[in-house]
């Protein structure tokens, strides 16, 4: 069996792969959809991830808010990459399911998704992401929260198969 992480007892997990931050950044760069949206990976620590997305009209729904699908995409990725920080080097992560609560219209200049692992397991990882919208004056308003279950894919490379 593969251990996902070791808890030091100091309140935070320790990643089994010391190069986890570089690995997360490289994987994020390969996500064409996140690049298409304009999302940026701005923070990675063992068990956590922060993703930001500047507002563009193309990302809005009919009322001019960030579209709920965009909010959900950021939440899913923040949970996924927070979990990926705790994956061994020879493993990958796939979302099994997630639940998204939209709590307020996502009005602002920037969406910020903060993901964190709640429970690392050998096969399943539970993570949470809180998404806020930041306005031009710097104030943030919580707009969504997600709870995700992710599967540790032992022996699966985190890259597309060779053609």
N, C-alpha and C. Protein backbone atom coordinates (compact mmCIF):
# COMPACT_ATOMS: atom_id res chain seq x y z
N UNK A 1 0.83 -1.19 0.00
CA UNK A 1 0.00 0.00 0.00
C UNK A 1 0.87 1.25 0.00
N UNK A 2 0.34 2.31 -0.61
CA UNK A 2 1.06 3.57 -0.70
C UNK A 2 0.48 4.54 0.31
N UNK A 3 1.30 5.12 1.13
CA UNK A 3 0.84 6.16 2.04
C UNK A 3 0.80 7.48 1.29
N UNK A 4 -0.31 8.20 1.40
CA UNK A 4 -0.44 9.47 0.70
C UNK A 4 0.40 10.53 1.37
N UNK A 5 0.39 10.60 2.67
CA UNK A 5 1.19 11.61 3.36
C UNK A 5 1.43 11.16 4.79
N UNK A 6 2.31 11.87 5.43
CA UNK A 6 2.61 11.63 6.83
C UNK A 6 2.25 12.89 7.59
N UNK A 7 1.47 12.76 8.63
CA UNK A 7 1.14 13.91 9.45
C UNK A 7 2.21 14.06 10.52
N UNK A 8 2.81 15.23 10.58
CA UNK A 8 3.90 15.47 11.51
C UNK A 8 3.43 15.69 12.93
N UNK A 9 2.13 15.88 13.11
CA UNK A 9 1.63 16.20 14.44
C UNK A 9 1.72 17.69 14.74
N UNK A 10 2.25 18.44 13.79
CA UNK A 10 2.38 19.89 13.95
C UNK A 10 1.24 20.63 13.25
N UNK A 11 0.21 19.90 12.89
CA UNK A 11 -0.95 20.54 12.30
C UNK A 11 -1.03 20.47 10.80
N UNK A 12 -0.01 19.95 10.13
CA UNK A 12 -0.08 19.91 8.68
C UNK A 12 0.52 18.66 8.09
N UNK A 13 0.06 18.28 6.91
CA UNK A 13 0.59 17.09 6.26
C UNK A 13 1.97 17.35 5.66
N UNK A 14 2.68 16.30 5.44
CA UNK A 14 3.98 16.36 4.77
C UNK A 14 3.84 15.58 3.47
N UNK A 15 4.20 16.18 2.37
CA UNK A 15 4.10 15.52 1.07
C UNK A 15 5.16 14.44 0.94
N UNK A 16 4.79 13.27 0.41
CA UNK A 16 5.77 12.21 0.22
C UNK A 16 6.75 12.50 -0.91
N UNK A 17 6.40 13.43 -1.79
CA UNK A 17 7.26 13.80 -2.91
C UNK A 17 7.80 15.20 -2.65
N UNK A 18 9.10 15.36 -2.37
CA UNK A 18 9.63 16.68 -2.06
C UNK A 18 9.51 17.68 -3.21
N UNK A 19 9.33 17.20 -4.42
CA UNK A 19 9.20 18.09 -5.58
C UNK A 19 7.73 18.34 -5.92
N UNK A 20 6.84 18.24 -4.92
CA UNK A 20 5.41 18.35 -5.19
C UNK A 20 5.02 19.69 -5.81
N UNK A 21 5.61 20.79 -5.38
CA UNK A 21 5.20 22.11 -5.90
C UNK A 21 5.51 22.24 -7.38
N UNK A 22 6.69 21.78 -7.79
CA UNK A 22 7.05 21.84 -9.21
C UNK A 22 6.15 20.91 -10.02
N UNK A 23 5.84 19.76 -9.45
CA UNK A 23 4.98 18.79 -10.14
C UNK A 23 3.57 19.34 -10.33
N UNK A 24 3.05 20.00 -9.30
CA UNK A 24 1.73 20.62 -9.40
C UNK A 24 1.74 21.72 -10.46
N UNK A 25 2.75 22.57 -10.44
CA UNK A 25 2.83 23.68 -11.40
C UNK A 25 2.92 23.15 -12.83
N UNK A 26 3.70 22.10 -13.04
CA UNK A 26 3.84 21.52 -14.37
C UNK A 26 2.52 20.92 -14.86
N UNK A 27 1.83 20.21 -13.97
CA UNK A 27 0.54 19.63 -14.31
C UNK A 27 -0.47 20.73 -14.63
N UNK A 28 -0.49 21.78 -13.83
CA UNK A 28 -1.42 22.89 -14.05
C UNK A 28 -1.17 23.53 -15.42
N UNK A 29 0.09 23.69 -15.79
CA UNK A 29 0.43 24.27 -17.10
C UNK A 29 -0.11 23.42 -18.25
N UNK A 30 -0.20 22.11 -18.05
CA UNK A 30 -0.70 21.22 -19.10
C UNK A 30 -2.22 21.23 -19.22
N UNK A 31 -2.91 21.83 -18.27
CA UNK A 31 -4.38 21.88 -18.34
C UNK A 31 -4.80 22.98 -19.31
N UNK A 32 -5.06 22.59 -20.52
CA UNK A 32 -5.42 23.56 -21.56
C UNK A 32 -6.67 24.36 -21.19
N UNK A 33 -7.62 23.71 -20.53
CA UNK A 33 -8.87 24.40 -20.18
C UNK A 33 -8.61 25.53 -19.19
N UNK A 34 -7.76 25.28 -18.20
CA UNK A 34 -7.45 26.34 -17.23
C UNK A 34 -6.74 27.50 -17.91
N UNK A 35 -5.85 27.19 -18.85
CA UNK A 35 -5.19 28.23 -19.62
C UNK A 35 -6.18 29.01 -20.47
N UNK A 36 -7.12 28.31 -21.08
CA UNK A 36 -8.15 28.93 -21.90
C UNK A 36 -8.98 29.93 -21.07
N UNK A 37 -9.29 29.52 -19.83
CA UNK A 37 -10.05 30.41 -18.94
C UNK A 37 -9.23 31.60 -18.47
N UNK A 38 -7.90 31.43 -18.39
CA UNK A 38 -7.03 32.48 -17.86
C UNK A 38 -6.71 32.31 -16.39
N UNK A 39 -6.92 31.09 -15.86
CA UNK A 39 -6.66 30.82 -14.44
C UNK A 39 -5.16 30.76 -14.17
N UNK A 40 -4.79 31.16 -12.95
CA UNK A 40 -3.39 31.16 -12.52
C UNK A 40 -3.27 30.40 -11.21
N UNK A 41 -2.26 29.55 -11.15
CA UNK A 41 -1.91 28.86 -9.91
C UNK A 41 -1.04 29.84 -9.13
N UNK A 42 -1.51 30.28 -7.96
CA UNK A 42 -0.78 31.31 -7.22
C UNK A 42 -0.24 30.85 -5.88
N UNK A 43 -0.64 29.66 -5.43
CA UNK A 43 -0.14 29.18 -4.15
C UNK A 43 -0.23 27.67 -4.05
N UNK A 44 0.87 27.04 -3.60
CA UNK A 44 0.89 25.60 -3.42
C UNK A 44 1.71 25.28 -2.18
N UNK A 45 1.12 24.58 -1.25
CA UNK A 45 1.81 24.04 -0.09
C UNK A 45 1.29 22.63 0.11
N UNK A 46 1.95 21.85 0.93
CA UNK A 46 1.49 20.48 1.17
C UNK A 46 0.06 20.52 1.70
N UNK A 47 -0.86 19.95 0.92
CA UNK A 47 -2.25 19.88 1.33
C UNK A 47 -3.10 21.08 0.97
N UNK A 48 -2.52 22.09 0.31
CA UNK A 48 -3.31 23.28 -0.06
C UNK A 48 -2.95 23.77 -1.47
N UNK A 49 -3.86 24.53 -2.02
CA UNK A 49 -3.67 25.11 -3.35
C UNK A 49 -4.54 26.36 -3.47
N UNK A 50 -4.02 27.38 -4.16
CA UNK A 50 -4.80 28.59 -4.42
C UNK A 50 -4.74 28.89 -5.92
N UNK A 51 -5.91 29.09 -6.50
CA UNK A 51 -6.03 29.41 -7.92
C UNK A 51 -6.83 30.70 -8.05
N UNK A 52 -6.37 31.58 -8.93
CA UNK A 52 -7.08 32.85 -9.19
C UNK A 52 -7.49 32.93 -10.65
N UNK A 53 -8.57 33.66 -10.89
CA UNK A 53 -9.07 33.87 -12.23
C UNK A 53 -9.62 35.28 -12.36
N UNK A 54 -8.97 36.12 -13.19
CA UNK A 54 -9.48 37.47 -13.43
C UNK A 54 -10.80 37.42 -14.23
N UNK A 55 -11.67 38.37 -13.95
CA UNK A 55 -12.95 38.44 -14.65
C UNK A 55 -12.74 38.86 -16.10
N UNK A 56 -13.50 38.24 -16.97
CA UNK A 56 -13.65 38.64 -18.37
C UNK A 56 -15.12 38.44 -18.72
N UNK A 57 -15.69 39.26 -19.55
CA UNK A 57 -17.11 39.09 -19.91
C UNK A 57 -17.42 37.70 -20.47
N UNK A 58 -16.47 37.06 -21.13
CA UNK A 58 -16.69 35.73 -21.70
C UNK A 58 -16.91 34.66 -20.63
N UNK A 59 -16.58 34.97 -19.38
CA UNK A 59 -16.73 34.02 -18.28
C UNK A 59 -18.02 34.25 -17.50
N UNK A 60 -18.86 35.15 -17.98
CA UNK A 60 -20.05 35.53 -17.21
C UNK A 60 -21.30 34.83 -17.72
N UNK A 61 -22.32 34.88 -16.88
CA UNK A 61 -23.64 34.42 -17.28
C UNK A 61 -24.47 35.66 -17.65
N UNK A 62 -25.75 35.48 -17.87
CA UNK A 62 -26.58 36.55 -18.42
C UNK A 62 -26.72 37.79 -17.53
N UNK A 63 -26.45 37.67 -16.23
CA UNK A 63 -26.54 38.82 -15.33
C UNK A 63 -25.21 39.54 -15.16
N UNK A 64 -24.16 38.99 -15.75
CA UNK A 64 -22.85 39.62 -15.65
C UNK A 64 -21.98 39.09 -14.52
N UNK A 65 -22.44 38.05 -13.80
CA UNK A 65 -21.63 37.43 -12.75
C UNK A 65 -20.73 36.36 -13.40
N UNK A 66 -19.68 35.96 -12.67
CA UNK A 66 -18.94 34.77 -13.11
C UNK A 66 -19.96 33.64 -13.22
N UNK A 67 -19.87 32.85 -14.27
CA UNK A 67 -20.77 31.72 -14.48
C UNK A 67 -20.53 30.66 -13.40
N UNK A 68 -21.59 30.01 -12.94
CA UNK A 68 -21.47 28.96 -11.93
C UNK A 68 -20.57 27.81 -12.38
N UNK A 69 -20.54 27.52 -13.67
CA UNK A 69 -19.66 26.48 -14.18
C UNK A 69 -18.20 26.85 -14.03
N UNK A 70 -17.91 28.13 -14.15
CA UNK A 70 -16.54 28.61 -13.96
C UNK A 70 -16.16 28.51 -12.49
N UNK A 71 -17.09 28.88 -11.62
CA UNK A 71 -16.85 28.77 -10.17
C UNK A 71 -16.59 27.31 -9.80
N UNK A 72 -17.41 26.41 -10.32
CA UNK A 72 -17.25 24.99 -10.05
C UNK A 72 -15.94 24.43 -10.58
N UNK A 73 -15.54 24.88 -11.75
CA UNK A 73 -14.26 24.44 -12.33
C UNK A 73 -13.10 24.83 -11.44
N UNK A 74 -13.10 26.07 -10.95
CA UNK A 74 -12.02 26.51 -10.06
C UNK A 74 -12.03 25.72 -8.76
N UNK A 75 -13.20 25.48 -8.20
CA UNK A 75 -13.29 24.72 -6.95
C UNK A 75 -12.77 23.30 -7.15
N UNK A 76 -13.17 22.65 -8.23
CA UNK A 76 -12.72 21.30 -8.53
C UNK A 76 -11.20 21.24 -8.67
N UNK A 77 -10.64 22.18 -9.40
CA UNK A 77 -9.18 22.20 -9.59
C UNK A 77 -8.44 22.51 -8.31
N UNK A 78 -8.97 23.39 -7.48
CA UNK A 78 -8.30 23.71 -6.21
C UNK A 78 -8.30 22.48 -5.30
N UNK A 79 -9.41 21.74 -5.26
CA UNK A 79 -9.44 20.49 -4.49
C UNK A 79 -8.47 19.47 -5.08
N UNK A 80 -8.47 19.36 -6.39
CA UNK A 80 -7.62 18.38 -7.05
C UNK A 80 -6.15 18.65 -6.84
N UNK A 81 -5.73 19.89 -7.00
CA UNK A 81 -4.31 20.18 -6.85
C UNK A 81 -3.87 20.20 -5.38
N UNK A 82 -4.76 20.55 -4.48
CA UNK A 82 -4.43 20.41 -3.05
C UNK A 82 -4.16 18.94 -2.75
N UNK A 83 -4.99 18.07 -3.30
CA UNK A 83 -4.81 16.63 -3.11
C UNK A 83 -3.56 16.12 -3.82
N UNK A 84 -3.29 16.62 -4.99
CA UNK A 84 -2.13 16.18 -5.78
C UNK A 84 -0.82 16.49 -5.07
N UNK A 85 -0.81 17.53 -4.22
CA UNK A 85 0.42 17.83 -3.47
C UNK A 85 0.82 16.68 -2.55
N UNK A 86 -0.15 15.84 -2.18
CA UNK A 86 0.11 14.76 -1.24
C UNK A 86 0.28 13.40 -1.93
N UNK A 87 0.26 13.40 -3.26
CA UNK A 87 0.39 12.16 -4.01
C UNK A 87 1.85 11.78 -4.20
N UNK A 88 2.17 10.51 -4.07
CA UNK A 88 3.53 10.06 -4.37
C UNK A 88 3.88 10.36 -5.84
N UNK A 89 5.15 10.41 -6.13
CA UNK A 89 5.64 10.78 -7.47
C UNK A 89 5.09 9.88 -8.57
N UNK A 90 4.84 8.62 -8.29
CA UNK A 90 4.38 7.69 -9.32
C UNK A 90 2.86 7.61 -9.41
N UNK A 91 2.17 8.60 -8.88
CA UNK A 91 0.71 8.57 -8.84
C UNK A 91 0.11 9.83 -9.43
N UNK A 92 -1.19 9.75 -9.66
CA UNK A 92 -1.95 10.90 -10.12
C UNK A 92 -3.25 10.95 -9.31
N UNK A 93 -4.07 11.94 -9.60
CA UNK A 93 -5.32 12.17 -8.87
C UNK A 93 -6.44 12.36 -9.89
N UNK A 94 -7.60 11.80 -9.61
CA UNK A 94 -8.80 12.05 -10.42
C UNK A 94 -9.97 12.34 -9.49
N UNK A 95 -10.79 13.31 -9.85
CA UNK A 95 -11.99 13.61 -9.08
C UNK A 95 -13.00 12.49 -9.25
N UNK A 96 -13.52 12.00 -8.14
CA UNK A 96 -14.58 10.99 -8.15
C UNK A 96 -15.94 11.68 -8.11
N UNK A 97 -16.05 12.68 -7.25
CA UNK A 97 -17.28 13.47 -7.17
C UNK A 97 -17.00 14.77 -6.44
N UNK A 98 -17.84 15.75 -6.69
CA UNK A 98 -17.78 16.95 -5.85
C UNK A 98 -19.16 17.57 -5.76
N UNK A 99 -19.39 18.23 -4.65
CA UNK A 99 -20.64 18.95 -4.40
C UNK A 99 -20.30 20.41 -4.27
N UNK A 100 -21.02 21.22 -4.99
CA UNK A 100 -20.76 22.66 -4.98
C UNK A 100 -21.97 23.38 -4.43
N UNK A 101 -21.76 24.21 -3.41
CA UNK A 101 -22.79 25.10 -2.90
C UNK A 101 -22.47 26.51 -3.38
N UNK A 102 -23.33 27.06 -4.20
CA UNK A 102 -23.21 28.45 -4.64
C UNK A 102 -23.96 29.28 -3.61
N UNK A 103 -23.24 30.16 -2.91
CA UNK A 103 -23.83 30.88 -1.78
C UNK A 103 -24.21 32.32 -2.09
N UNK A 104 -23.59 32.88 -3.13
CA UNK A 104 -23.87 34.27 -3.50
C UNK A 104 -23.43 34.46 -4.94
N UNK A 105 -23.99 35.45 -5.62
CA UNK A 105 -23.51 35.74 -6.98
C UNK A 105 -22.01 36.05 -6.96
N UNK A 106 -21.30 35.51 -7.93
CA UNK A 106 -19.85 35.70 -8.02
C UNK A 106 -19.57 37.00 -8.77
N UNK A 107 -19.69 38.11 -8.03
CA UNK A 107 -19.49 39.44 -8.59
C UNK A 107 -18.14 39.96 -8.12
N UNK A 108 -17.29 40.31 -9.07
CA UNK A 108 -15.99 40.85 -8.70
C UNK A 108 -15.04 40.85 -9.87
N UNK A 109 -13.84 41.33 -9.59
CA UNK A 109 -12.80 41.40 -10.61
C UNK A 109 -11.93 40.16 -10.64
N UNK A 110 -12.02 39.34 -9.58
CA UNK A 110 -11.14 38.19 -9.45
C UNK A 110 -11.83 37.10 -8.63
N UNK A 111 -11.78 35.87 -9.12
CA UNK A 111 -12.22 34.72 -8.34
C UNK A 111 -10.99 34.10 -7.70
N UNK A 112 -11.12 33.69 -6.44
CA UNK A 112 -10.02 33.05 -5.72
C UNK A 112 -10.56 31.75 -5.14
N UNK A 113 -9.95 30.64 -5.55
CA UNK A 113 -10.34 29.32 -5.02
C UNK A 113 -9.21 28.82 -4.14
N UNK A 114 -9.54 28.53 -2.89
CA UNK A 114 -8.56 28.04 -1.91
C UNK A 114 -8.94 26.61 -1.53
N UNK A 115 -8.12 25.67 -1.99
CA UNK A 115 -8.38 24.27 -1.73
C UNK A 115 -7.51 23.74 -0.60
N UNK A 116 -8.06 22.77 0.16
CA UNK A 116 -7.28 22.14 1.23
C UNK A 116 -7.76 20.72 1.42
N UNK A 117 -6.83 19.86 1.74
CA UNK A 117 -7.16 18.47 2.01
C UNK A 117 -7.73 18.37 3.42
N UNK A 118 -8.86 17.71 3.54
CA UNK A 118 -9.48 17.48 4.83
C UNK A 118 -9.05 16.13 5.39
N UNK A 119 -9.03 15.12 4.52
CA UNK A 119 -8.60 13.79 4.95
C UNK A 119 -7.85 13.09 3.83
N UNK A 120 -6.55 12.94 3.99
CA UNK A 120 -5.80 12.15 3.01
C UNK A 120 -5.95 10.67 3.33
N UNK A 121 -6.19 9.88 2.31
CA UNK A 121 -6.30 8.44 2.50
C UNK A 121 -5.41 7.71 1.52
N UNK A 122 -5.40 6.40 1.63
CA UNK A 122 -4.55 5.61 0.72
C UNK A 122 -5.14 5.50 -0.66
N UNK A 123 -6.46 5.55 -0.75
CA UNK A 123 -7.13 5.45 -2.05
C UNK A 123 -7.97 6.70 -2.33
N UNK A 124 -8.72 7.15 -1.33
CA UNK A 124 -9.58 8.32 -1.50
C UNK A 124 -9.09 9.47 -0.63
N UNK A 125 -9.20 10.66 -1.19
CA UNK A 125 -8.82 11.88 -0.49
C UNK A 125 -10.04 12.78 -0.47
N UNK A 126 -10.33 13.39 0.66
CA UNK A 126 -11.43 14.34 0.76
C UNK A 126 -10.83 15.73 0.88
N UNK A 127 -11.33 16.64 0.05
CA UNK A 127 -10.81 18.01 0.03
C UNK A 127 -11.97 19.00 -0.01
N UNK A 128 -11.67 20.22 0.40
CA UNK A 128 -12.65 21.29 0.39
C UNK A 128 -12.04 22.49 -0.32
N UNK A 129 -12.88 23.21 -1.04
CA UNK A 129 -12.44 24.48 -1.65
C UNK A 129 -13.46 25.55 -1.31
N UNK A 130 -12.94 26.70 -0.92
CA UNK A 130 -13.77 27.88 -0.70
C UNK A 130 -13.42 28.87 -1.79
N UNK A 131 -14.45 29.40 -2.44
CA UNK A 131 -14.26 30.33 -3.55
C UNK A 131 -14.82 31.68 -3.15
N UNK A 132 -14.02 32.72 -3.36
CA UNK A 132 -14.41 34.09 -3.06
C UNK A 132 -14.28 34.94 -4.31
N UNK A 133 -15.06 36.02 -4.35
CA UNK A 133 -14.93 37.02 -5.40
C UNK A 133 -14.34 38.28 -4.78
N UNK A 134 -13.28 38.78 -5.37
CA UNK A 134 -12.65 40.01 -4.88
C UNK A 134 -13.06 41.16 -5.79
N UNK A 135 -13.48 42.23 -5.15
CA UNK A 135 -13.86 43.45 -5.90
C UNK A 135 -12.65 44.36 -6.02
N UNK A 136 -12.79 45.39 -6.83
CA UNK A 136 -11.71 46.34 -7.07
C UNK A 136 -11.19 47.02 -5.83
N UNK A 137 -12.03 47.17 -4.80
CA UNK A 137 -11.59 47.83 -3.56
C UNK A 137 -10.84 46.87 -2.63
N UNK A 138 -10.65 45.60 -3.06
CA UNK A 138 -9.91 44.63 -2.26
C UNK A 138 -10.76 43.78 -1.34
N UNK A 139 -12.05 44.08 -1.24
CA UNK A 139 -12.91 43.28 -0.37
C UNK A 139 -13.22 41.94 -1.05
N UNK A 140 -13.35 40.91 -0.23
CA UNK A 140 -13.68 39.58 -0.73
C UNK A 140 -15.01 39.14 -0.15
N UNK A 141 -15.77 38.44 -0.98
CA UNK A 141 -17.05 37.89 -0.53
C UNK A 141 -17.06 36.40 -0.87
N UNK A 142 -17.34 35.55 0.12
CA UNK A 142 -17.46 34.12 -0.18
C UNK A 142 -18.63 33.89 -1.13
N UNK A 143 -18.39 33.12 -2.20
CA UNK A 143 -19.45 32.88 -3.18
C UNK A 143 -19.79 31.39 -3.32
N UNK A 144 -18.87 30.50 -2.93
CA UNK A 144 -19.13 29.07 -3.09
C UNK A 144 -18.21 28.26 -2.19
N UNK A 145 -18.66 27.06 -1.88
CA UNK A 145 -17.81 26.09 -1.20
C UNK A 145 -18.08 24.74 -1.84
N UNK A 146 -17.03 23.93 -1.92
CA UNK A 146 -17.14 22.61 -2.54
C UNK A 146 -16.51 21.57 -1.63
N UNK A 147 -17.07 20.39 -1.66
CA UNK A 147 -16.50 19.24 -0.98
C UNK A 147 -16.28 18.18 -2.05
N UNK A 148 -15.06 17.68 -2.14
CA UNK A 148 -14.71 16.75 -3.21
C UNK A 148 -14.10 15.47 -2.67
N UNK A 149 -14.33 14.39 -3.39
CA UNK A 149 -13.67 13.12 -3.14
C UNK A 149 -12.81 12.85 -4.37
N UNK A 150 -11.53 12.57 -4.12
CA UNK A 150 -10.60 12.32 -5.21
C UNK A 150 -9.95 10.96 -5.02
N UNK A 151 -9.64 10.32 -6.13
CA UNK A 151 -9.04 8.99 -6.08
C UNK A 151 -7.56 9.09 -6.40
N UNK A 152 -6.77 8.47 -5.56
CA UNK A 152 -5.33 8.36 -5.81
C UNK A 152 -5.13 7.26 -6.83
N UNK A 153 -4.56 7.60 -7.95
CA UNK A 153 -4.33 6.65 -9.05
C UNK A 153 -2.87 6.19 -9.00
N UNK A 154 -2.60 5.19 -8.18
CA UNK A 154 -1.25 4.67 -8.02
C UNK A 154 -0.76 4.06 -9.32
N UNK A 155 0.44 4.45 -9.73
CA UNK A 155 1.04 3.93 -10.96
C UNK A 155 0.56 4.61 -12.23
N UNK A 156 -0.29 5.62 -12.13
CA UNK A 156 -0.79 6.34 -13.30
C UNK A 156 -0.01 7.66 -13.43
N UNK A 157 0.66 7.83 -14.53
CA UNK A 157 1.41 9.05 -14.77
C UNK A 157 0.46 10.23 -14.90
N UNK A 158 0.91 11.39 -14.48
CA UNK A 158 0.10 12.60 -14.59
C UNK A 158 0.43 13.33 -15.89
N UNK A 159 0.24 12.63 -16.97
CA UNK A 159 0.47 13.20 -18.30
C UNK A 159 -0.31 12.35 -19.30
N UNK A 160 -0.54 12.91 -20.48
CA UNK A 160 -1.28 12.12 -21.47
C UNK A 160 -0.45 10.92 -21.92
N UNK A 161 -1.12 9.85 -22.32
CA UNK A 161 -0.37 8.69 -22.82
C UNK A 161 0.38 9.05 -24.10
N UNK A 162 1.51 8.41 -24.31
CA UNK A 162 2.29 8.65 -25.52
C UNK A 162 1.49 8.20 -26.74
N UNK A 163 1.58 9.01 -27.79
CA UNK A 163 0.82 8.71 -29.01
C UNK A 163 1.45 7.58 -29.81
